[in-house]
Protein backbone atom coordinates (compact mmCIF):
# COMPACT_ATOMS: atom_id res chain seq x y z
CA MET A 1 -75.57 -18.01 30.65
CA ALA A 2 -74.83 -15.52 27.91
CA VAL A 3 -75.54 -15.41 24.01
CA SER A 4 -73.64 -14.27 21.56
CA PRO A 5 -73.99 -12.82 18.77
CA ALA A 6 -73.73 -14.86 15.28
CA ALA A 7 -70.94 -15.05 13.65
CA GLY A 8 -70.81 -12.20 10.96
CA GLU A 9 -73.44 -10.39 12.91
CA PRO A 10 -72.38 -6.78 13.08
CA ILE A 11 -72.51 -5.31 17.33
CA ALA A 12 -70.31 -2.31 16.60
CA THR A 13 -72.52 0.83 14.82
CA ALA A 14 -70.57 3.98 13.29
CA ILE A 15 -72.39 7.13 13.96
CA GLU A 16 -70.88 9.87 11.24
CA GLU A 17 -70.25 13.46 13.07
CA PRO A 18 -68.82 16.91 11.13
CA ALA A 19 -65.24 16.15 12.98
CA GLU A 20 -65.46 12.34 13.64
CA THR A 21 -66.15 8.74 13.39
CA ILE A 22 -67.92 7.60 16.66
CA TYR A 23 -68.05 3.76 16.82
CA GLU A 24 -70.01 1.95 19.37
CA GLY A 25 -70.68 -1.76 20.84
CA ALA A 26 -73.67 -3.47 21.76
CA ASN A 27 -76.58 -1.58 23.82
CA PHE A 28 -75.60 -2.27 27.42
CA ASP A 29 -77.77 -1.86 30.25
CA GLU A 30 -75.94 -0.15 33.31
CA ASN A 31 -78.31 -0.63 36.37
CA ARG A 32 -76.48 -4.37 36.96
CA ILE A 33 -72.78 -2.27 37.92
CA ARG A 34 -74.32 -0.12 40.32
CA LYS A 35 -72.84 -1.97 43.20
CA SER A 36 -69.62 -2.67 45.09
CA ILE A 37 -67.21 -5.25 43.65
CA PHE A 38 -67.75 -6.83 47.56
CA GLU A 39 -71.91 -7.01 47.01
CA GLY A 40 -70.84 -8.96 43.45
CA LEU A 41 -69.58 -11.31 45.81
CA LEU A 42 -72.31 -11.79 47.88
CA GLN A 43 -74.73 -12.12 44.89
CA SER A 44 -72.75 -14.86 43.13
CA ARG A 45 -72.93 -16.99 46.85
CA SER A 46 -76.70 -16.58 46.12
CA ARG A 47 -76.67 -17.69 42.54
CA TYR A 48 -74.41 -20.55 42.52
CA GLY A 49 -74.44 -21.25 45.94
CA GLY A 50 -72.38 -20.79 49.24
CA LYS A 51 -70.68 -24.44 48.89
CA LYS A 52 -69.92 -23.87 45.04
CA VAL A 53 -66.24 -23.91 44.74
CA ALA A 54 -65.26 -20.33 43.85
CA ALA A 55 -61.42 -20.74 43.90
CA VAL A 56 -58.28 -23.03 43.76
CA ASP A 57 -55.06 -22.84 44.83
CA ALA A 58 -51.41 -24.17 43.31
CA ASP A 59 -51.34 -26.74 46.27
CA GLY A 60 -54.90 -28.10 45.16
CA ARG A 61 -56.87 -26.54 48.53
CA GLU A 62 -60.66 -24.99 47.33
CA LEU A 63 -62.29 -22.20 48.54
CA THR A 64 -65.98 -21.98 48.53
CA TYR A 65 -67.34 -18.83 48.09
CA ASN A 66 -69.09 -19.37 52.12
CA GLU A 67 -65.12 -20.21 52.76
CA LEU A 68 -63.76 -16.75 50.42
CA ILE A 69 -66.52 -14.15 52.70
CA ARG A 70 -65.66 -15.84 55.93
CA ALA A 71 -61.64 -15.23 55.53
CA ALA A 72 -62.60 -12.20 54.00
CA PHE A 73 -64.59 -10.92 56.78
CA ALA A 74 -62.02 -12.31 59.00
CA LEU A 75 -58.80 -11.11 57.50
CA GLY A 76 -60.53 -7.64 57.12
CA HIS A 77 -61.35 -7.20 60.23
CA ALA A 78 -57.79 -7.64 61.47
CA LEU A 79 -57.09 -5.37 59.03
CA LYS A 80 -59.26 -2.35 59.40
CA ALA A 81 -57.36 -1.40 62.49
CA GLY A 82 -55.72 2.06 62.27
CA THR A 83 -56.76 2.78 58.70
CA GLU A 84 -59.82 4.65 57.60
CA LYS A 85 -62.24 4.16 55.07
CA GLY A 86 -61.35 4.95 51.18
CA GLU A 87 -57.76 4.56 52.47
CA ALA A 88 -55.41 2.46 50.68
CA VAL A 89 -53.79 -0.48 51.48
CA ALA A 90 -51.37 -2.19 49.53
CA ILE A 91 -51.10 -5.94 48.42
CA LEU A 92 -48.13 -7.40 47.81
CA LEU A 93 -48.89 -11.24 46.92
CA PRO A 94 -48.70 -13.50 43.56
CA THR A 95 -52.02 -15.51 42.26
CA GLY A 96 -53.92 -17.30 44.58
CA VAL A 97 -56.01 -17.58 47.40
CA GLY A 98 -54.35 -15.67 49.40
CA ALA A 99 -54.27 -12.72 46.92
CA ILE A 100 -58.15 -13.07 46.44
CA VAL A 101 -59.11 -13.33 49.80
CA SER A 102 -56.85 -10.07 50.90
CA ILE A 103 -59.07 -7.99 47.71
CA PHE A 104 -61.94 -8.86 49.40
CA ALA A 105 -60.83 -8.38 52.62
CA VAL A 106 -59.85 -4.84 51.97
CA SER A 107 -62.65 -3.84 50.30
CA ALA A 108 -65.46 -5.63 52.36
CA TYR A 109 -64.75 -2.78 55.05
CA GLY A 110 -64.47 0.06 52.16
CA ARG A 111 -60.73 -0.11 51.93
CA VAL A 112 -59.14 0.37 48.77
CA PRO A 113 -56.41 -2.94 47.42
CA ALA A 114 -53.14 -0.94 46.03
CA MET A 115 -52.28 -4.02 44.08
CA LEU A 116 -47.95 -4.01 43.82
CA ASN A 117 -46.60 -5.27 41.30
CA PHE A 118 -43.98 -7.38 43.29
CA THR A 119 -41.68 -7.76 39.72
CA ALA A 120 -41.37 -3.77 39.01
CA GLY A 121 -37.99 -3.70 41.27
CA GLU A 122 -37.83 -1.39 44.59
CA ALA A 123 -38.48 2.08 42.76
CA ALA A 124 -41.78 1.44 41.15
CA ILE A 125 -43.14 -0.61 43.94
CA LYS A 126 -42.21 2.97 46.25
CA SER A 127 -43.61 4.85 43.72
CA ALA A 128 -46.50 3.64 43.88
CA CYS A 129 -46.93 3.24 47.76
CA VAL A 130 -46.35 6.90 47.55
CA ALA A 131 -48.58 7.99 44.53
CA SER A 132 -51.68 6.27 46.85
CA LYS A 133 -51.08 7.37 50.21
CA CYS A 134 -50.81 2.88 51.58
CA LYS A 135 -49.14 2.82 54.76
CA ARG A 136 -49.47 -0.97 55.10
CA ILE A 137 -48.48 -3.85 52.77
CA VAL A 138 -50.18 -7.02 53.27
CA THR A 139 -47.97 -10.06 52.19
CA ALA A 140 -46.68 -13.89 53.24
CA HIS A 141 -43.51 -14.77 54.86
CA ARG A 142 -43.76 -17.80 52.39
CA PHE A 143 -44.31 -15.71 49.14
CA ILE A 144 -40.96 -13.76 50.63
CA GLU A 145 -38.68 -16.66 51.17
CA LEU A 146 -40.20 -18.18 47.76
CA GLY A 147 -39.43 -14.93 45.94
CA GLU A 148 -36.17 -14.15 47.51
CA LEU A 149 -37.79 -10.79 48.36
CA GLN A 150 -35.83 -10.19 51.84
CA ASP A 151 -34.34 -7.12 50.16
CA LEU A 152 -37.01 -5.77 48.95
CA GLU A 153 -39.20 -6.82 52.05
CA GLN A 154 -36.60 -4.81 54.04
CA ALA A 155 -36.84 -1.46 52.01
CA LEU A 156 -40.71 -1.41 52.41
CA ALA A 157 -40.48 -2.25 56.18
CA ALA A 158 -39.00 1.10 56.61
CA ASP A 159 -41.70 3.11 55.74
CA HIS A 160 -44.33 0.70 55.69
CA GLU A 161 -46.35 -1.62 58.39
CA MET A 162 -45.85 -5.02 56.84
CA ILE A 163 -48.92 -7.49 57.31
CA TYR A 164 -48.01 -11.19 56.81
CA LEU A 165 -51.15 -13.70 56.16
CA GLU A 166 -49.93 -16.51 58.69
CA ASP A 167 -49.42 -13.96 61.15
CA VAL A 168 -52.53 -12.65 60.89
CA ARG A 169 -54.38 -16.15 60.49
CA GLU A 170 -52.61 -16.90 63.83
CA ASN A 171 -53.41 -14.35 65.90
CA LEU A 172 -57.11 -13.60 64.89
CA SER A 173 -58.97 -12.35 67.91
CA LEU A 174 -62.09 -12.98 69.54
CA LYS A 175 -63.82 -9.95 67.22
CA ASP A 176 -61.93 -10.72 63.96
CA LYS A 177 -63.99 -14.56 64.66
CA ILE A 178 -67.33 -13.07 65.93
CA ALA A 179 -67.28 -10.59 62.49
CA ALA A 180 -66.87 -13.04 60.28
CA ALA A 181 -69.33 -15.54 61.98
CA VAL A 182 -71.62 -12.46 61.41
CA GLY A 183 -70.51 -11.28 58.08
CA THR A 184 -71.27 -14.63 57.21
CA VAL A 185 -74.46 -14.96 57.59
CA ALA A 186 -75.62 -11.20 57.92
CA PRO A 187 -73.11 -9.33 55.70
CA TRP A 188 -75.15 -6.30 55.68
CA ALA A 189 -74.32 -6.07 59.28
CA VAL A 190 -70.62 -5.79 58.81
CA ARG A 191 -70.10 -4.85 55.55
CA ALA A 192 -68.78 -1.12 54.84
CA TRP A 193 -71.52 -0.12 51.34
CA PRO A 194 -69.05 2.56 49.27
CA ASP A 195 -70.61 4.61 46.12
CA PRO A 196 -70.37 1.90 42.89
CA ASP A 197 -68.14 5.05 41.75
CA ASP A 198 -65.80 4.86 44.28
CA ALA A 199 -62.30 3.95 44.22
CA ALA A 200 -62.42 0.02 44.20
CA VAL A 201 -58.73 -1.12 43.31
CA TYR A 202 -55.28 0.87 41.87
CA LEU A 203 -53.12 -0.34 39.77
CA PHE A 204 -50.38 0.68 38.36
CA THR A 205 -48.80 1.02 34.87
CA SER A 206 -45.25 -0.70 34.12
CA GLY A 207 -43.51 2.91 34.16
CA THR A 208 -40.87 1.75 30.81
CA GLU A 209 -42.21 5.52 29.62
CA GLY A 210 -41.39 7.08 33.44
CA GLN A 211 -42.42 6.33 36.63
CA PRO A 212 -45.71 4.16 36.94
CA LYS A 213 -48.62 5.91 36.81
CA GLY A 214 -51.71 4.67 39.39
CA VAL A 215 -54.96 3.95 37.82
CA VAL A 216 -58.25 4.51 39.57
CA LEU A 217 -60.91 2.06 38.90
CA SER A 218 -64.05 1.87 40.42
CA HIS A 219 -66.59 -0.88 41.62
CA ALA A 220 -68.95 0.20 38.48
CA ASN A 221 -65.45 0.19 35.71
CA LEU A 222 -64.45 -3.65 37.20
CA LEU A 223 -68.29 -4.65 37.34
CA ALA A 224 -69.12 -3.24 34.00
CA ASN A 225 -66.44 -5.19 32.74
CA VAL A 226 -67.36 -8.31 34.10
CA GLU A 227 -71.33 -7.85 32.54
CA GLN A 228 -69.68 -6.38 28.94
CA VAL A 229 -67.65 -10.09 28.74
CA ARG A 230 -70.89 -11.56 29.80
CA ASP A 231 -72.94 -10.09 27.18
CA HIS A 232 -69.64 -10.50 24.79
CA ILE A 233 -68.79 -14.42 24.86
CA THR A 234 -70.82 -17.47 25.61
CA LEU A 235 -69.28 -18.68 28.97
CA LEU A 236 -71.13 -22.25 30.21
CA PRO A 237 -71.85 -23.24 33.70
CA THR A 238 -69.25 -26.34 32.89
CA ASP A 239 -66.15 -24.10 32.66
CA VAL A 240 -63.24 -23.82 34.46
CA LEU A 241 -60.93 -21.07 34.01
CA PHE A 242 -56.98 -21.61 34.33
CA ASN A 243 -55.06 -18.37 35.35
CA PRO A 244 -51.42 -17.69 35.59
CA MET A 245 -51.91 -14.10 35.06
CA PRO A 246 -50.55 -12.10 37.55
CA THR A 247 -53.34 -9.77 39.85
CA PHE A 248 -51.55 -6.68 40.25
CA HIS A 249 -52.52 -6.89 36.23
CA SER A 250 -55.58 -5.81 35.39
CA PHE A 251 -56.13 -8.85 32.97
CA GLY A 252 -55.22 -11.16 35.74
CA LEU A 253 -57.87 -9.52 38.28
CA THR A 254 -60.86 -9.03 36.54
CA GLY A 255 -60.21 -11.69 33.95
CA GLY A 256 -58.68 -13.75 36.00
CA VAL A 257 -60.39 -13.18 39.86
CA LEU A 258 -63.80 -11.01 39.01
CA LEU A 259 -65.08 -12.45 35.76
CA PRO A 260 -65.51 -16.39 37.61
CA ILE A 261 -66.35 -15.45 40.58
CA ASN A 262 -69.54 -12.86 39.42
CA LEU A 263 -69.91 -16.13 37.03
CA GLY A 264 -69.88 -19.24 39.05
CA ILE A 265 -66.71 -20.47 37.50
CA PRO A 266 -64.42 -22.26 39.47
CA ALA A 267 -61.01 -20.12 39.24
CA ILE A 268 -57.62 -22.36 39.07
CA CYS A 269 -54.70 -19.91 40.51
CA HIS A 270 -51.28 -20.50 39.23
CA PRO A 271 -48.63 -17.72 41.06
CA THR A 272 -46.59 -17.05 37.96
CA PRO A 273 -47.04 -17.48 34.16
CA LEU A 274 -43.26 -18.95 33.87
CA GLN A 275 -43.74 -22.40 35.02
CA ALA A 276 -44.54 -23.88 31.59
CA LYS A 277 -44.20 -27.68 31.89
CA THR A 278 -45.74 -27.28 35.20
CA ILE A 279 -48.85 -25.23 34.05
CA VAL A 280 -49.52 -27.48 31.70
CA LYS A 281 -50.16 -30.31 33.63
CA ARG A 282 -52.41 -28.72 36.21
CA VAL A 283 -54.72 -27.52 32.94
CA ALA A 284 -55.08 -31.26 32.21
CA GLU A 285 -55.51 -32.21 36.22
CA THR A 286 -57.85 -29.47 36.70
CA GLY A 287 -60.09 -30.22 33.63
CA ALA A 288 -59.56 -26.32 32.63
CA THR A 289 -61.54 -25.14 29.58
CA ILE A 290 -60.46 -21.76 29.41
CA LEU A 291 -56.81 -20.38 29.65
CA PHE A 292 -55.60 -17.35 29.95
CA ALA A 293 -52.63 -16.09 28.88
CA THR A 294 -50.40 -13.69 26.31
CA ASP A 295 -48.50 -15.05 23.17
CA THR A 296 -45.20 -15.61 24.51
CA PHE A 297 -46.71 -17.46 27.63
CA ILE A 298 -49.22 -19.37 25.69
CA ASN A 299 -46.35 -20.44 22.80
CA GLN A 300 -44.16 -21.81 25.72
CA TYR A 301 -47.43 -23.83 27.17
CA ALA A 302 -47.68 -25.40 23.40
CA ARG A 303 -44.32 -26.11 23.33
CA ALA A 304 -44.22 -27.68 26.82
CA ALA A 305 -47.30 -29.86 26.57
CA ASP A 306 -48.10 -33.08 25.53
CA LYS A 307 -51.34 -33.59 23.14
CA SER A 308 -53.37 -34.73 26.56
CA ASP A 309 -52.17 -31.55 28.71
CA LEU A 310 -54.32 -28.86 26.59
CA SER A 311 -57.34 -31.56 25.69
CA SER A 312 -59.65 -30.00 28.18
CA LEU A 313 -59.68 -26.65 26.50
CA ARG A 314 -62.07 -25.25 24.50
CA MET A 315 -60.46 -22.10 24.04
CA ALA A 316 -57.23 -20.04 24.91
CA VAL A 317 -58.34 -16.30 25.52
CA CYS A 318 -54.83 -13.78 24.18
CA GLY A 319 -54.32 -10.30 25.28
CA ALA A 320 -51.56 -7.99 26.15
CA GLU A 321 -49.76 -8.61 23.38
CA ARG A 322 -50.20 -9.34 19.47
CA VAL A 323 -50.23 -12.91 18.94
CA LYS A 324 -48.63 -14.12 16.35
CA ASP A 325 -49.83 -16.59 13.08
CA GLU A 326 -47.46 -19.01 14.35
CA THR A 327 -48.24 -19.48 17.64
CA ARG A 328 -52.40 -19.79 16.47
CA THR A 329 -51.09 -22.47 13.69
CA MET A 330 -49.40 -24.52 16.44
CA LEU A 331 -51.93 -24.19 19.14
CA LYS A 332 -54.61 -25.24 16.55
CA ASP A 333 -52.66 -28.09 14.74
CA LYS A 334 -50.84 -29.67 18.15
CA PHE A 335 -54.40 -29.69 20.27
CA GLU A 336 -56.84 -28.57 18.23
CA VAL A 337 -57.64 -25.51 20.34
CA ASP A 338 -58.70 -21.98 18.83
CA ILE A 339 -57.31 -18.65 20.26
CA VAL A 340 -59.33 -16.01 21.03
CA GLU A 341 -57.70 -12.66 20.50
CA GLY A 342 -58.59 -9.79 22.29
CA TYR A 343 -57.18 -5.77 22.70
CA GLY A 344 -57.12 -4.10 26.62
CA LEU A 345 -55.60 -2.19 28.59
CA THR A 346 -55.92 -1.54 32.49
CA GLU A 347 -57.20 2.38 31.67
CA ALA A 348 -60.57 -0.16 30.69
CA ALA A 349 -60.33 -2.35 33.20
CA PRO A 350 -59.37 -4.22 31.16
CA VAL A 351 -61.11 -5.45 27.88
CA LEU A 352 -62.23 -3.15 25.34
CA ALA A 353 -62.59 -5.25 22.08
CA VAL A 354 -62.61 -9.55 21.51
CA ASN A 355 -62.84 -12.21 19.35
CA GLN A 356 -66.01 -14.52 19.54
CA PRO A 357 -65.77 -18.34 19.48
CA ASP A 358 -68.36 -18.08 16.26
CA ALA A 359 -67.00 -14.69 15.24
CA ASN A 360 -63.41 -15.38 15.24
CA LYS A 361 -61.20 -13.18 12.97
CA PRO A 362 -57.37 -13.51 13.00
CA GLY A 363 -55.25 -10.50 12.92
CA THR A 364 -57.80 -8.49 14.85
CA VAL A 365 -58.84 -8.15 18.46
CA GLY A 366 -62.30 -8.98 17.89
CA ARG A 367 -65.50 -6.27 18.06
CA LEU A 368 -65.86 -3.62 20.73
CA LEU A 369 -67.87 -5.01 23.97
CA PRO A 370 -71.32 -3.69 24.60
CA GLY A 371 -71.41 -0.07 26.01
CA ALA A 372 -67.57 1.06 24.26
CA LYS A 373 -67.22 3.71 22.32
CA ALA A 374 -64.02 4.04 19.87
CA LYS A 375 -62.93 7.30 17.92
CA LEU A 376 -59.89 7.39 15.29
CA ILE A 377 -58.11 10.72 15.08
CA PRO A 378 -56.25 10.98 12.30
CA VAL A 379 -52.09 10.86 12.71
CA ASN A 380 -50.11 12.39 10.06
CA GLY A 381 -48.31 9.72 8.26
CA ILE A 382 -51.06 7.21 8.30
CA ASP A 383 -53.76 6.77 5.98
CA ASP A 384 -55.16 3.44 7.34
CA GLY A 385 -56.44 3.96 10.96
CA GLY A 386 -55.90 6.47 13.65
CA GLN A 387 -55.34 6.87 17.27
CA LEU A 388 -57.88 5.56 18.99
CA HIS A 389 -59.83 7.12 21.61
CA ILE A 390 -62.20 5.34 24.28
CA SER A 391 -64.89 5.78 26.29
CA GLY A 392 -67.30 3.71 28.60
CA PRO A 393 -68.52 2.18 31.54
CA ASN A 394 -65.52 0.26 32.02
CA ILE A 395 -63.02 3.48 31.49
CA MET A 396 -61.03 4.52 34.38
CA ARG A 397 -61.83 7.53 36.88
CA GLY A 398 -58.38 9.15 36.32
CA TYR A 399 -54.92 8.41 36.97
CA ILE A 400 -52.86 9.25 40.73
CA ARG A 401 -49.08 9.90 40.19
CA PRO A 402 -46.59 10.26 42.96
CA SER A 403 -45.92 13.57 42.37
CA ALA A 404 -49.36 14.41 43.15
CA PRO A 405 -50.88 12.02 45.80
CA LEU A 406 -54.22 10.42 45.38
CA VAL A 407 -54.92 13.83 43.30
CA LEU A 408 -57.12 12.69 40.69
CA GLU A 409 -56.77 13.26 36.73
CA GLU A 410 -59.57 12.31 34.87
CA PRO A 411 -60.13 11.36 31.63
CA ALA A 412 -60.32 15.04 29.48
CA ASP A 413 -64.55 14.90 28.81
CA GLY A 414 -64.86 11.37 29.40
CA TRP A 415 -62.44 9.99 26.55
CA HIS A 416 -59.45 8.05 27.33
CA ASP A 417 -56.60 8.48 24.89
CA THR A 418 -54.88 4.84 24.43
CA GLY A 419 -51.89 5.78 22.75
CA ASP A 420 -52.48 2.68 19.97
CA ILE A 421 -52.99 3.30 16.61
CA VAL A 422 -56.24 0.97 15.21
CA ALA A 423 -57.99 0.38 12.39
CA ILE A 424 -61.38 -0.60 12.37
CA ASP A 425 -62.99 -2.52 9.20
CA ASP A 426 -66.83 -2.50 7.94
CA GLU A 427 -67.51 -5.40 10.23
CA GLY A 428 -66.60 -3.43 13.24
CA PHE A 429 -63.08 -5.50 13.56
CA LEU A 430 -60.53 -3.85 15.14
CA ARG A 431 -56.81 -4.35 14.07
CA ILE A 432 -53.93 -2.78 16.19
CA ARG A 433 -50.98 -1.28 13.95
CA GLY A 434 -48.89 -0.43 17.21
CA ARG A 435 -48.24 1.98 19.60
CA VAL A 436 -47.99 6.18 18.47
CA LYS A 437 -44.82 5.69 20.11
CA ARG A 438 -43.53 2.74 18.38
CA PHE A 439 -43.84 3.73 15.32
CA ALA A 440 -40.38 5.52 13.25
CA LYS A 441 -40.24 8.22 10.72
CA LEU A 442 -37.88 7.69 7.64
CA GLY A 443 -37.55 10.16 5.52
CA GLY A 444 -41.07 11.22 5.79
CA GLU A 445 -42.79 8.32 6.01
CA MET A 446 -44.56 6.72 9.47
CA VAL A 447 -42.98 2.94 9.75
CA SER A 448 -44.61 0.37 12.08
CA LEU A 449 -41.85 -1.40 14.31
CA ALA A 450 -44.64 -3.77 15.56
CA VAL A 451 -44.18 -4.25 10.95
CA VAL A 452 -40.37 -4.97 11.54
CA GLU A 453 -41.01 -7.33 14.57
CA ASN A 454 -43.32 -9.41 12.70
CA CYS A 455 -41.59 -9.54 9.74
CA ALA A 456 -38.41 -11.14 11.91
CA THR A 457 -41.02 -13.88 13.61
CA SER A 458 -41.87 -15.27 10.27
CA LEU A 459 -38.23 -15.34 9.30
CA TRP A 460 -36.93 -16.73 12.72
CA PRO A 461 -40.35 -18.05 14.33
CA ASP A 462 -38.55 -20.07 17.11
CA SER A 463 -36.62 -16.70 18.88
CA MET A 464 -37.80 -13.50 20.32
CA HIS A 465 -37.58 -10.22 18.38
CA ALA A 466 -37.85 -6.29 19.27
CA ALA A 467 -37.38 -3.52 17.24
CA ALA A 468 -36.41 0.24 18.37
CA ALA A 469 -35.44 3.09 16.15
CA ILE A 470 -32.39 6.16 17.30
CA PRO A 471 -32.00 9.55 15.42
CA ASP A 472 -30.46 9.26 11.93
CA LYS A 473 -29.03 12.59 10.64
CA ARG A 474 -30.18 12.04 6.80
CA LYS A 475 -33.26 9.98 7.30
CA GLY A 476 -34.70 11.05 10.48
CA GLU A 477 -34.58 7.72 12.20
CA GLN A 478 -33.36 4.09 11.92
CA ILE A 479 -34.98 0.97 13.14
CA ILE A 480 -32.57 -1.72 14.82
CA LEU A 481 -33.71 -4.94 15.39
CA LEU A 482 -32.81 -6.88 18.44
CA THR A 483 -33.05 -10.82 18.25
CA THR A 484 -32.04 -13.93 20.09
CA TYR A 485 -31.35 -15.82 16.83
CA LYS A 486 -27.99 -16.19 16.52
CA ASN A 487 -27.59 -16.63 12.78
CA ALA A 488 -29.59 -13.40 11.65
CA GLY A 489 -28.80 -11.53 9.11
CA ARG A 490 -29.86 -8.38 6.89
CA ALA A 491 -29.89 -10.08 3.53
CA ASP A 492 -32.22 -12.61 4.72
CA PHE A 493 -34.75 -9.65 5.98
CA VAL A 494 -34.31 -7.90 2.51
CA ALA A 495 -35.02 -10.77 0.74
CA PHE A 496 -38.19 -11.76 2.89
CA ALA A 497 -39.56 -8.11 2.31
CA LYS A 498 -39.48 -7.96 -1.26
CA ASN A 499 -40.76 -11.33 -1.64
CA HIS A 500 -43.45 -9.99 0.61
CA GLY A 501 -44.68 -7.06 -0.16
CA VAL A 502 -43.12 -5.06 2.56
CA THR A 503 -41.39 -1.39 2.09
CA GLU A 504 -37.46 -1.47 1.69
CA LEU A 505 -38.03 1.21 4.82
CA ALA A 506 -39.46 -1.69 7.27
CA VAL A 507 -35.83 -3.35 6.45
CA PRO A 508 -33.64 -2.94 9.86
CA LYS A 509 -30.51 -0.78 9.06
CA LYS A 510 -28.37 -2.97 11.92
CA ILE A 511 -29.57 -6.31 13.13
CA VAL A 512 -28.22 -6.46 16.59
CA ILE A 513 -27.94 -10.72 18.39
CA VAL A 514 -29.11 -10.78 21.95
CA ASP A 515 -29.28 -13.17 24.72
CA GLU A 516 -32.71 -12.59 25.49
CA ILE A 517 -35.58 -10.03 24.89
CA PRO A 518 -36.46 -8.15 27.97
CA VAL A 519 -39.78 -9.09 29.22
CA LEU A 520 -42.55 -7.46 32.09
CA GLY A 521 -44.00 -9.75 34.61
CA THR A 522 -47.03 -9.87 32.56
CA GLY A 523 -45.30 -11.36 29.53
CA LYS A 524 -45.11 -7.96 27.63
CA THR A 525 -41.97 -6.79 25.69
CA ASN A 526 -40.39 -4.20 28.01
CA TYR A 527 -39.45 -1.44 25.66
CA GLY A 528 -38.21 0.67 28.30
CA ARG A 529 -35.46 -1.99 28.00
CA VAL A 530 -35.05 -2.35 24.78
CA GLN A 531 -34.43 0.90 23.81
CA ALA A 532 -32.03 1.33 26.47
CA MET A 533 -29.77 -2.06 25.03
CA VAL A 534 -30.11 -0.28 21.24
CA ASN A 535 -28.63 2.71 22.33
CA GLU A 536 -25.96 0.92 24.52
CA ALA A 537 -25.21 -1.31 21.31
CA MET A 538 -25.08 2.06 18.85
CA ALA A 539 -22.92 4.38 20.74
CA GLU A 540 -20.14 5.25 19.55
CA PRO A 541 -17.48 4.45 20.96
CA PRO A 542 -15.38 6.78 22.86
CA VAL A 543 -12.27 8.39 20.72
CA THR A 544 -9.29 7.96 22.43
CA LYS A 545 -6.79 10.84 22.29
CA VAL A 546 -3.55 9.39 21.32
CA GLU A 547 -0.66 11.64 22.41
CA PRO A 548 2.67 12.50 20.66
CA GLU A 549 5.47 11.28 21.65
CA PRO A 550 8.08 13.90 23.17
CA ALA A 551 10.37 14.86 20.76
CA LYS A 552 14.24 13.29 21.71
């Protein structure tokens, strides 16, 4: 399909400007993205054939391109009554055929799917519904039952109309069926024709730093990212992609749904990334060649798998969090599978940079995708790298917030501040040093909390670790490490730092042993909760005032 640049061939150029350096990926043809995501589906059917398998559900049920389009038109026609074009319709479903059909069903008639993170809790979900002004929520009785989400269901039903896929399927009207039949053979007569720059989906941030923000991605944004990846990485007609990542997350939506469907690659769906033993067996059964995961999850899969379980893979693509050296080594030694690490964020739809199988530089997240632009803004106290700002055809339209529903906050001058500290080397490879908010200032120097965690991982590789900073009257801040390793000791950390040239400032002031490190539904560490745990662990106990005994 696409031909990757040869290993070592530079695909990012630096343009010197008076105040800053702008880095650019390879040239990118934006004419390919001037369409809707539903039109992209229709074109894929024409290109690969209506009888080709587009997606496979957790129970093994296969869905061809024809079946996907027919189901989308039927469900979409049933859902559109009572809503207007451009209106949000929320989707509360796990990764699977039901979610894929629902996304395209809402999109086919010009409505906008608002993807709800069912792991985020009632308050965050209601906040997302307010921000997107959605009145209807598409879900399934079976999902509510298996996920034990009855309390959430009841809370949402108080303010929203709950639409259940099983009920819709059993009660399709004659008009719904006619729309499906006509749409399958003459989609131009039924479907909506949104502008490529119109909102195609609302996704929501985790909300660990406050209320979740809605990220507005247009049709062009999403399709740009698909085409950027197509240009950047060689994907084969024989590839089979296994996706356990949630569709409420941009990695699972763009990478796990839109990418394979637009490239004619079967998408193997799995409803949760947490079922390690089941997932590795399904990888073997389906003959998957590409696996999407995070470091946390791929580590679990490698430990749960027999050698034959992952033998069909030709690469594992990891994002959302740094890939540890131990994880990379284990996958290579045990299964002869390379991890291709990338970097993305919801605001970039999501991929901004990714390594390539033939140009894979461990410790980096690869080079910029074609069409992407980046600039580094200097940060006091940090010499190696700067605060990353990004621009390009895949960068979001803007944010929406519950405080101002559907009021778009566009990126300033087309540039989005990622909040990450990044270094870019002479070959154009990006190295993520950490979030700006995840640096501690000790004695006037900036110390990356990610470095603290990396040291802990090297010391105790079979456990999980998370660092946070709290105020310190003498040094400004102090670093506290949470770890699940029961025998963790500060003396070992001090010795490791000395032996590996790590600044003593990165040695945590205190190590707190915990039962588990909290994670989000996407596999990322929940640093909001980590900070709360550290604050609680380090809180000074209340002083009990002892009253003197009365004189006798």
